[in-house]
Amino acid sequence: MDRAELERQIDRVLSRLPSPRAPSSLAPRVMQAIAAGSRTAGAAVVGWRSWSLGWQVLGLVSACWMAAALALALPIASRWVGDMAATRAAVALWQTFVAPIAAPAIAVVAVMCTACAILVAALKYVAWERRWILPS
């Protein structure tokens, strides 16, 4: 008996066997495992929104304080650095070459970042927040 004949004979015998059937409890167990995994994944989210209200307020106040300190310190630092010849040359180069391109480029980047954030929020609403109802 050659190899091809053996393969045909095995194929005939195997094709007469009944198809294996999954147990009826398999689908509910799989759905419960998926639901349990999504519950534990959602509980593991850590970030600013999971902080208590007091810590959130403190973080916001700290961020505003740092921004205000930077805004107040910047003119003092620029006055101190502005007296240097290299600084004046750098400012001239900036105003001549970079500034005309920087503002539109920053605007385009801001619009694209906003569009990406909106897309991620929409995808999160559609794809990741779906809750499956399990049959009892």
Protein backbone atom coordinates (compact mmCIF):
# COMPACT_ATOMS: atom_id res chain seq x y z
CA MET A 1 0.00 0.00 0.00
CA ASP A 2 1.48 3.32 -1.04
CA ARG A 3 1.28 6.58 0.88
CA ALA A 4 -1.53 8.11 -1.24
CA GLU A 5 -3.75 5.03 -0.77
CA LEU A 6 -3.11 5.09 2.99
CA GLU A 7 -4.08 8.78 3.14
CA ARG A 8 -7.32 8.10 1.22
CA GLN A 9 -8.21 5.19 3.52
CA ILE A 10 -7.54 7.28 6.65
CA ASP A 11 -9.62 10.12 5.17
CA ARG A 12 -12.56 7.77 4.52
CA VAL A 13 -12.44 6.38 8.06
CA LEU A 14 -12.14 9.80 9.66
CA SER A 15 -14.94 11.30 7.54
CA ARG A 16 -17.35 8.61 8.82
CA LEU A 17 -16.68 9.57 12.44
CA PRO A 18 -19.23 11.92 14.03
CA SER A 19 -18.19 15.55 14.52
CA PRO A 20 -17.06 16.37 18.03
CA ARG A 21 -19.62 18.49 19.89
CA ALA A 22 -18.88 21.11 22.46
CA PRO A 23 -20.56 20.71 25.83
CA SER A 24 -23.67 22.84 26.29
CA SER A 25 -22.10 24.57 29.28
CA LEU A 26 -19.13 25.85 27.24
CA ALA A 27 -20.68 29.03 25.82
CA PRO A 28 -22.01 30.33 29.19
CA ARG A 29 -18.66 29.59 30.85
CA VAL A 30 -16.76 31.45 28.13
CA MET A 31 -19.10 34.44 28.39
CA GLN A 32 -18.71 34.50 32.18
CA ALA A 33 -14.93 34.38 31.86
CA ILE A 34 -15.00 37.30 29.41
CA ALA A 35 -17.24 39.31 31.73
CA ALA A 36 -15.03 38.55 34.74
CA GLY A 37 -11.95 39.63 32.78
CA SER A 38 -13.54 42.93 31.77
CA ARG A 39 -14.62 43.61 35.36
CA THR A 40 -11.12 43.06 36.73
CA ALA A 41 -9.57 45.09 33.89
CA GLY A 42 -11.90 48.00 34.64
CA ALA A 43 -11.11 47.84 38.36
CA ALA A 44 -7.38 48.09 37.70
CA VAL A 45 -7.65 51.54 36.10
CA VAL A 46 -5.41 53.94 37.97
CA GLY A 47 -5.20 57.62 37.22
CA TRP A 48 -6.16 61.10 38.19
CA ARG A 49 -9.89 60.32 38.03
CA SER A 50 -9.47 57.54 40.58
CA TRP A 51 -8.01 59.94 43.18
CA SER A 52 -10.20 61.23 45.97
CA LEU A 53 -11.73 64.68 45.49
CA GLY A 54 -9.32 66.29 47.95
CA TRP A 55 -6.27 65.01 46.09
CA GLN A 56 -7.74 66.08 42.76
CA VAL A 57 -8.31 69.62 44.04
CA LEU A 58 -4.80 69.71 45.52
CA GLY A 59 -3.30 68.52 42.21
CA LEU A 60 -5.25 71.12 40.24
CA VAL A 61 -4.25 73.92 42.61
CA SER A 62 -0.60 72.80 42.45
CA ALA A 63 -0.64 72.76 38.65
CA CYS A 64 -2.20 76.24 38.53
CA TRP A 65 0.33 77.52 41.05
CA MET A 66 3.24 76.18 38.99
CA ALA A 67 1.83 77.73 35.81
CA ALA A 68 1.41 81.10 37.55
CA ALA A 69 4.96 80.94 38.97
CA LEU A 70 6.32 80.18 35.51
CA ALA A 71 4.32 83.04 33.98
CA LEU A 72 5.64 85.47 36.59
CA ALA A 73 9.25 84.25 36.43
CA LEU A 74 9.49 84.25 32.65
CA PRO A 75 9.60 88.04 32.17
CA ILE A 76 12.26 88.39 34.87
CA ALA A 77 14.40 85.67 33.31
CA SER A 78 13.96 87.06 29.80
CA ARG A 79 15.01 90.54 30.96
CA TRP A 80 18.12 89.06 32.58
CA VAL A 81 19.01 86.92 29.54
CA GLY A 82 17.96 89.61 27.03
CA ASP A 83 21.02 91.71 27.74
CA MET A 84 23.35 89.11 26.22
CA ALA A 85 24.52 89.46 22.57
CA ALA A 86 23.99 85.76 21.80
CA THR A 87 20.43 86.02 23.04
CA ARG A 88 19.71 88.96 20.77
CA ALA A 89 21.10 87.02 17.80
CA ALA A 90 19.00 83.97 18.68
CA VAL A 91 15.88 86.14 18.99
CA ALA A 92 16.57 87.69 15.59
CA LEU A 93 16.95 84.26 13.99
CA TRP A 94 13.81 83.02 15.73
CA GLN A 95 11.71 85.98 14.57
CA THR A 96 13.05 85.74 11.04
CA PHE A 97 12.90 82.03 10.33
CA VAL A 98 11.00 80.05 12.96
CA ALA A 99 8.17 82.31 14.21
CA PRO A 100 6.37 82.60 10.86
CA ILE A 101 6.18 78.80 10.65
CA ALA A 102 5.78 77.95 14.36
CA ALA A 103 2.34 79.45 15.00
CA PRO A 104 0.56 77.69 12.10
CA ALA A 105 2.41 74.46 12.85
CA ILE A 106 1.35 74.58 16.50
CA ALA A 107 -2.24 75.26 15.44
CA VAL A 108 -2.24 72.26 13.08
CA VAL A 109 -0.74 70.00 15.76
CA ALA A 110 -3.32 71.19 18.31
CA VAL A 111 -6.20 70.50 15.90
CA MET A 112 -4.84 67.03 15.06
CA CYS A 113 -4.34 66.16 18.75
CA THR A 114 -7.90 67.24 19.47
CA ALA A 115 -9.21 65.14 16.59
CA CYS A 116 -7.25 62.11 17.84
CA ALA A 117 -8.57 62.58 21.38
CA ILE A 118 -12.14 62.75 20.09
CA LEU A 119 -11.58 59.62 17.99
CA VAL A 120 -10.15 57.71 20.96
CA ALA A 121 -13.10 58.79 23.11
CA ALA A 122 -15.54 57.64 20.45
CA LEU A 123 -13.74 54.30 20.03
CA LYS A 124 -13.69 53.82 23.78
CA TYR A 125 -17.43 54.41 23.92
CA VAL A 126 -18.13 52.05 21.03
CA ALA A 127 -15.60 49.27 21.53
CA TRP A 128 -14.35 49.11 25.10
CA GLU A 129 -17.39 50.05 27.19
CA ARG A 130 -19.74 47.43 25.81
CA ARG A 131 -21.13 45.21 28.56
CA TRP A 132 -22.24 41.69 27.65
CA ILE A 133 -25.40 40.34 29.20
CA LEU A 134 -24.89 36.75 30.24
CA PRO A 135 -27.72 34.22 30.03
CA SER A 136 -28.68 32.85 33.41
